[in-house]
Amino acid sequence: MKKNYKTFIHESAEDLDFIIFSAGKIGHQIKMNPKDLVSVVEGKFAFLIK
């Protein structure tokens, strides 16, 4: 990322085997374990729905 924004992922994703998200380039996606993603982006799992 160009800027260091805080990254939050809904806590329900923590129990999934993998998630797929945009790689930032048209036609490219990344498949990754959510716990690994949180580690890489220094993010947090959080409850995000009111």
C-alpha atoms as a PDB file:
ATOM      1  CA  MET A   1       0.000   0.000   0.000  1.00  0.00           C
ATOM      2  CA  LYS A   2       1.132   3.511  -0.691  1.00  0.00           C
ATOM      3  CA  LYS A   3      -0.169   4.830   2.629  1.00  0.00           C
ATOM      4  CA  ASN A   4      -0.164   3.081   5.965  1.00  0.00           C
ATOM      5  CA  TYR A   5      -3.913   2.884   6.662  1.00  0.00           C
ATOM      6  CA  LYS A   6      -5.235   0.731   9.497  1.00  0.00           C
ATOM      7  CA  THR A   7      -6.654  -2.532   8.166  1.00  0.00           C
ATOM      8  CA  PHE A   8      -9.634  -4.260   9.771  1.00  0.00           C
ATOM      9  CA  ILE A   9     -11.143  -7.580   8.699  1.00  0.00           C
ATOM     10  CA  HIS A  10     -14.492  -8.782  10.019  1.00  0.00           C
ATOM     11  CA  GLU A  11     -14.004 -11.297  12.809  1.00  0.00           C
ATOM     12  CA  SER A  12     -16.126 -13.912  10.988  1.00  0.00           C
ATOM     13  CA  ALA A  13     -13.293 -14.272   8.444  1.00  0.00           C
ATOM     14  CA  GLU A  14     -10.942 -15.557  11.151  1.00  0.00           C
ATOM     15  CA  ASP A  15     -12.495 -19.052  11.007  1.00  0.00           C
ATOM     16  CA  LEU A  16     -12.299 -19.384   7.207  1.00  0.00           C
ATOM     17  CA  ASP A  17      -9.648 -21.533   5.517  1.00  0.00           C
ATOM     18  CA  PHE A  18      -8.971 -18.820   2.948  1.00  0.00           C
ATOM     19  CA  ILE A  19     -10.286 -15.571   1.527  1.00  0.00           C
ATOM     20  CA  ILE A  20      -9.879 -14.159  -1.963  1.00  0.00           C
ATOM     21  CA  PHE A  21      -9.286 -10.448  -2.476  1.00  0.00           C
ATOM     22  CA  SER A  22      -8.121  -8.071  -5.175  1.00  0.00           C
ATOM     23  CA  ALA A  23      -4.389  -7.949  -5.856  1.00  0.00           C
ATOM     24  CA  GLY A  24      -4.741  -4.334  -6.990  1.00  0.00           C
ATOM     25  CA  LYS A  25      -4.306  -5.108 -10.670  1.00  0.00           C
ATOM     26  CA  ILE A  26      -7.111  -5.888 -13.118  1.00  0.00           C
ATOM     27  CA  GLY A  27      -7.619  -9.631 -13.448  1.00  0.00           C
ATOM     28  CA  HIS A  28      -5.454 -10.577 -10.465  1.00  0.00           C
ATOM     29  CA  GLN A  29      -6.667 -11.925  -7.131  1.00  0.00           C
ATOM     30  CA  ILE A  30      -4.907 -13.329  -4.070  1.00  0.00           C
ATOM     31  CA  LYS A  31      -6.075 -16.405  -2.149  1.00  0.00           C
ATOM     32  CA  MET A  32      -4.753 -16.353   1.404  1.00  0.00           C
ATOM     33  CA  ASN A  33      -5.401 -17.580   4.916  1.00  0.00           C
ATOM     34  CA  PRO A  34      -7.037 -14.686   6.830  1.00  0.00           C
ATOM     35  CA  LYS A  35      -4.648 -15.042   9.785  1.00  0.00           C
ATOM     36  CA  ASP A  36      -1.670 -14.758   7.435  1.00  0.00           C
ATOM     37  CA  LEU A  37      -3.215 -11.671   5.816  1.00  0.00           C
ATOM     38  CA  VAL A  38      -3.673  -9.955   9.189  1.00  0.00           C
ATOM     39  CA  SER A  39      -0.039 -10.689   9.977  1.00  0.00           C
ATOM     40  CA  VAL A  40       1.259  -9.361   6.638  1.00  0.00           C
ATOM     41  CA  VAL A  41      -0.725  -6.100   6.690  1.00  0.00           C
ATOM     42  CA  GLU A  42      -0.443  -5.694  10.480  1.00  0.00           C
ATOM     43  CA  GLY A  43      -4.239  -5.613  10.657  1.00  0.00           C
ATOM     44  CA  LYS A  44      -6.824  -6.647  13.226  1.00  0.00           C
ATOM     45  CA  PHE A  45      -9.931  -8.789  13.300  1.00  0.00           C
ATOM     46  CA  ALA A  46     -12.895  -6.744  14.551  1.00  0.00           C
ATOM     47  CA  PHE A  47     -16.686  -6.767  14.721  1.00  0.00           C
ATOM     48  CA  LEU A  48     -17.586  -4.264  11.984  1.00  0.00           C
ATOM     49  CA  ILE A  49     -21.389  -4.414  11.748  1.00  0.00           C
ATOM     50  CA  LYS A  50     -23.783  -2.277  13.789  1.00  0.00           C
END
